[in-house]
């Protein structure tokens, strides 16, 4: 069964409103989050591994995929559903060879060329952005709505948009054929994470969830 990418949570412990990351992910999943990407840039490998095991118990309970950012070794060690890599990480075709055909491979892209190359290299889905200014990745390159449209027309794999996604713009993307919203602070930083997740999903689909 193909994953539902409609509300794709990317974790960031710097912005979460809860005491623990597990609490934040649990609330997001209860609110309708459909994928969780565990992103940890600053912690040792052992801590990342242990955190991934904890989060996987939650995602398994809600039957949603756990994606690991960058670290193929951690993804494989915990039996995650997949891995997400950027343009400065190990090349997508090499990542695909390492993880095999059964794990999901997500690749970040900011241009049509990057999107096409990632698709040819074996990506299962693309993360496109930053669409708007974002606090969570200050060095992110921006993608115009026009370029997003070109990317959508050039590839046939699912696309999630990321970067500054909020209640104010969540409804813009489904009509463009985009498969989901990748969010960080719009969910994980909110006082009511569960409600924020549900609200964003409703706005994306244009109906109540």
Protein backbone atom coordinates (compact mmCIF):
# COMPACT_ATOMS: atom_id res chain seq x y z
CA UNK A 1 0.00 0.00 0.00
CA UNK A 2 1.34 3.43 -0.96
CA UNK A 3 1.95 5.83 1.93
CA UNK A 4 -0.40 8.72 2.62
CA UNK A 5 1.85 11.78 2.55
CA UNK A 6 -0.88 14.33 3.29
CA UNK A 7 0.46 15.46 6.67
CA UNK A 8 4.16 14.71 6.97
CA UNK A 9 5.64 15.71 10.33
CA UNK A 10 9.33 16.60 10.49
CA UNK A 11 10.60 16.66 14.06
CA UNK A 12 12.70 19.39 15.63
CA UNK A 13 13.20 19.31 19.38
CA UNK A 14 14.23 23.00 19.36
CA UNK A 15 10.66 24.02 18.53
CA UNK A 16 8.45 21.47 20.26
CA UNK A 17 5.92 22.66 22.81
CA UNK A 18 5.96 19.41 24.81
CA UNK A 19 8.41 18.13 27.39
CA UNK A 20 9.53 15.18 25.24
CA UNK A 21 9.66 14.40 21.55
CA UNK A 22 7.64 11.27 22.12
CA UNK A 23 4.76 13.33 23.50
CA UNK A 24 4.86 15.66 20.49
CA UNK A 25 4.84 12.80 17.98
CA UNK A 26 2.06 11.01 19.85
CA UNK A 27 -0.16 14.10 19.76
CA UNK A 28 0.60 14.77 16.10
CA UNK A 29 -0.24 11.19 15.18
CA UNK A 30 -3.48 11.42 17.15
CA UNK A 31 -4.33 14.56 15.19
CA UNK A 32 -3.96 12.83 11.84
CA UNK A 33 -0.28 13.05 10.97
CA UNK A 34 0.37 10.41 8.29
CA UNK A 35 4.20 10.21 8.18
CA UNK A 36 6.89 11.10 10.72
CA UNK A 37 10.42 12.05 9.76
CA UNK A 38 12.86 11.96 12.67
CA UNK A 39 15.46 14.66 12.10
CA UNK A 40 18.33 14.92 14.56
CA UNK A 41 21.34 16.94 13.45
CA UNK A 42 23.11 17.53 16.72
CA UNK A 43 22.96 14.39 18.86
CA UNK A 44 25.36 11.40 19.01
CA UNK A 45 24.55 8.31 16.98
CA UNK A 46 23.62 6.24 20.02
CA UNK A 47 21.15 8.87 21.23
CA UNK A 48 19.68 9.10 17.73
CA UNK A 49 19.29 5.32 17.60
CA UNK A 50 17.57 5.18 20.99
CA UNK A 51 15.30 8.10 20.09
CA UNK A 52 14.40 6.39 16.82
CA UNK A 53 13.45 3.19 18.65
CA UNK A 54 11.16 5.18 20.95
CA UNK A 55 9.49 7.09 18.12
CA UNK A 56 9.07 3.92 16.05
CA UNK A 57 6.98 2.38 18.83
CA UNK A 58 4.61 5.33 18.50
CA UNK A 59 4.46 5.33 14.69
CA UNK A 60 3.93 1.56 14.68
CA UNK A 61 1.02 1.98 17.10
CA UNK A 62 -0.62 4.44 14.70
CA UNK A 63 0.40 2.43 11.61
CA UNK A 64 2.24 5.35 10.03
CA UNK A 65 5.70 5.24 8.40
CA UNK A 66 8.81 6.41 10.24
CA UNK A 67 11.36 8.09 8.00
CA UNK A 68 14.88 8.83 9.23
CA UNK A 69 16.59 12.01 8.04
CA UNK A 70 20.06 11.49 6.49
CA UNK A 71 21.17 8.51 8.57
CA UNK A 72 20.74 5.37 6.49
CA UNK A 73 22.48 3.34 9.19
CA UNK A 74 19.98 4.43 11.86
CA UNK A 75 17.04 3.82 9.51
CA UNK A 76 18.17 0.27 8.80
CA UNK A 77 19.12 -0.43 12.42
CA UNK A 78 15.65 0.37 13.76
CA UNK A 79 13.68 -1.05 10.84
CA UNK A 80 12.32 2.33 9.77
CA UNK A 81 10.07 2.58 6.72
CA UNK A 82 12.59 4.72 4.92
CA UNK A 83 15.19 7.46 4.80
CA UNK A 84 15.16 11.06 3.56
CA UNK A 85 18.26 12.67 2.08
CA UNK A 86 19.25 16.09 0.81
CA UNK A 87 21.28 17.21 -2.16
CA UNK A 88 24.48 17.33 -0.08
CA UNK A 89 24.05 13.84 1.36
CA UNK A 90 25.02 10.51 -0.19
CA UNK A 91 23.73 10.39 -3.81
CA UNK A 92 20.21 9.06 -4.21
CA UNK A 93 21.19 6.20 -6.51
CA UNK A 94 23.77 5.00 -3.97
CA UNK A 95 21.26 5.35 -1.14
CA UNK A 96 18.82 3.22 -3.13
CA UNK A 97 21.44 0.50 -3.61
CA UNK A 98 22.15 0.45 0.13
CA UNK A 99 18.56 0.38 1.39
CA UNK A 100 17.20 -1.92 -1.31
CA UNK A 101 13.89 -1.71 -3.10
CA UNK A 102 11.56 -2.14 -0.14
CA UNK A 103 12.47 0.93 1.95
CA UNK A 104 11.15 4.37 1.07
CA UNK A 105 13.60 6.92 -0.28
CA UNK A 106 12.75 10.60 -0.05
CA UNK A 107 14.91 13.28 -1.63
CA UNK A 108 14.88 17.05 -1.16
CA UNK A 109 14.72 19.17 -4.31
CA UNK A 110 14.53 22.87 -5.13
CA UNK A 111 14.50 22.70 -8.93
CA UNK A 112 13.03 20.69 -11.77
CA UNK A 113 16.49 19.35 -12.62
CA UNK A 114 17.04 18.07 -9.07
CA UNK A 115 13.54 16.56 -9.01
CA UNK A 116 14.00 14.72 -12.30
CA UNK A 117 17.44 13.44 -11.30
CA UNK A 118 16.14 12.20 -7.94
CA UNK A 119 13.26 10.41 -9.63
CA UNK A 120 15.61 8.71 -12.09
CA UNK A 121 17.86 7.69 -9.18
CA UNK A 122 15.04 5.83 -7.47
CA UNK A 123 13.35 8.31 -5.14
CA UNK A 124 9.86 7.30 -3.96
CA UNK A 125 8.85 10.87 -3.15
CA UNK A 126 10.24 14.40 -3.16
CA UNK A 127 10.37 17.07 -0.48
CA UNK A 128 10.20 20.41 -2.30
CA UNK A 129 10.95 23.73 -0.64
CA UNK A 130 11.39 25.95 1.18
CA UNK A 131 8.15 27.35 -0.16
CA UNK A 132 8.05 30.22 2.33
CA UNK A 133 10.38 31.71 4.99
CA UNK A 134 10.93 29.26 7.83
CA UNK A 135 12.59 29.39 11.24
CA UNK A 136 13.60 25.75 11.15
CA UNK A 137 16.06 25.91 8.25
CA UNK A 138 17.49 29.38 7.80
CA UNK A 139 19.78 28.39 4.90
CA UNK A 140 17.02 26.80 2.82
CA UNK A 141 16.71 27.82 -0.82
CA UNK A 142 13.30 29.08 -1.90
CA UNK A 143 11.06 27.50 -4.51
CA UNK A 144 8.51 29.62 -6.33
CA UNK A 145 4.99 28.40 -6.97
CA UNK A 146 5.83 28.51 -10.68
CA UNK A 147 8.84 26.22 -10.19
CA UNK A 148 6.73 23.92 -8.03
CA UNK A 149 4.28 23.66 -10.91
CA UNK A 150 7.11 22.80 -13.29
CA UNK A 151 8.40 20.13 -10.90
CA UNK A 152 4.91 18.64 -10.63
CA UNK A 153 4.66 18.48 -14.38
CA UNK A 154 8.08 16.87 -14.78
CA UNK A 155 7.81 13.93 -12.33
CA UNK A 156 5.15 11.38 -11.50
CA UNK A 157 6.17 10.49 -7.93
CA UNK A 158 4.54 12.03 -4.83
CA UNK A 159 5.60 15.52 -3.75
CA UNK A 160 5.39 17.05 -0.30
CA UNK A 161 6.02 20.76 0.14
CA UNK A 162 8.02 22.09 3.08
CA UNK A 163 9.13 25.40 4.49
CA UNK A 164 6.81 27.89 6.12
CA UNK A 165 3.70 25.76 5.60
CA UNK A 166 0.88 27.13 7.76
CA UNK A 167 -2.88 27.44 8.09
CA UNK A 168 -2.69 30.50 5.85
CA UNK A 169 -1.26 28.65 2.84
CA UNK A 170 -2.12 24.97 3.39
CA UNK A 171 -5.03 25.10 0.95
CA UNK A 172 -2.89 26.21 -2.02
CA UNK A 173 -1.29 22.88 -2.83
CA UNK A 174 -3.83 20.11 -3.40
CA UNK A 175 -5.22 21.88 -6.51
CA UNK A 176 -1.66 21.82 -7.91
CA UNK A 177 -1.47 18.05 -7.59
CA UNK A 178 0.78 18.13 -4.53
CA UNK A 179 0.47 15.08 -2.30
CA UNK A 180 1.11 16.53 1.13
CA UNK A 181 2.35 19.15 3.55
CA UNK A 182 5.64 18.62 5.37
CA UNK A 183 5.46 20.61 8.58
CA UNK A 184 7.58 21.35 11.61
CA UNK A 185 6.62 24.33 13.75
CA UNK A 186 3.08 24.59 12.34
CA UNK A 187 2.34 21.43 14.33
CA UNK A 188 5.08 20.58 16.78
CA UNK A 189 5.50 24.10 18.21
CA UNK A 190 1.80 24.72 18.81
CA UNK A 191 0.18 24.59 22.26
CA UNK A 192 -2.39 22.07 20.99
CA UNK A 193 -0.43 19.81 18.65
CA UNK A 194 -3.29 17.39 18.02
CA UNK A 195 -5.71 20.15 16.97
CA UNK A 196 -3.08 21.91 14.85
CA UNK A 197 -2.41 18.69 12.94
CA UNK A 198 -6.12 18.07 12.37
CA UNK A 199 -6.70 21.67 11.27
CA UNK A 200 -3.87 21.59 8.73
CA UNK A 201 -5.07 18.33 7.26
CA UNK A 202 -8.59 19.74 6.93
CA UNK A 203 -7.29 22.86 5.21
CA UNK A 204 -5.15 20.82 2.81
CA UNK A 205 -8.11 18.69 1.76
CA UNK A 206 -10.67 21.48 2.01
CA UNK A 207 -12.89 19.44 4.34
CA UNK A 208 -13.09 18.46 7.97
CA UNK A 209 -10.96 15.58 9.30
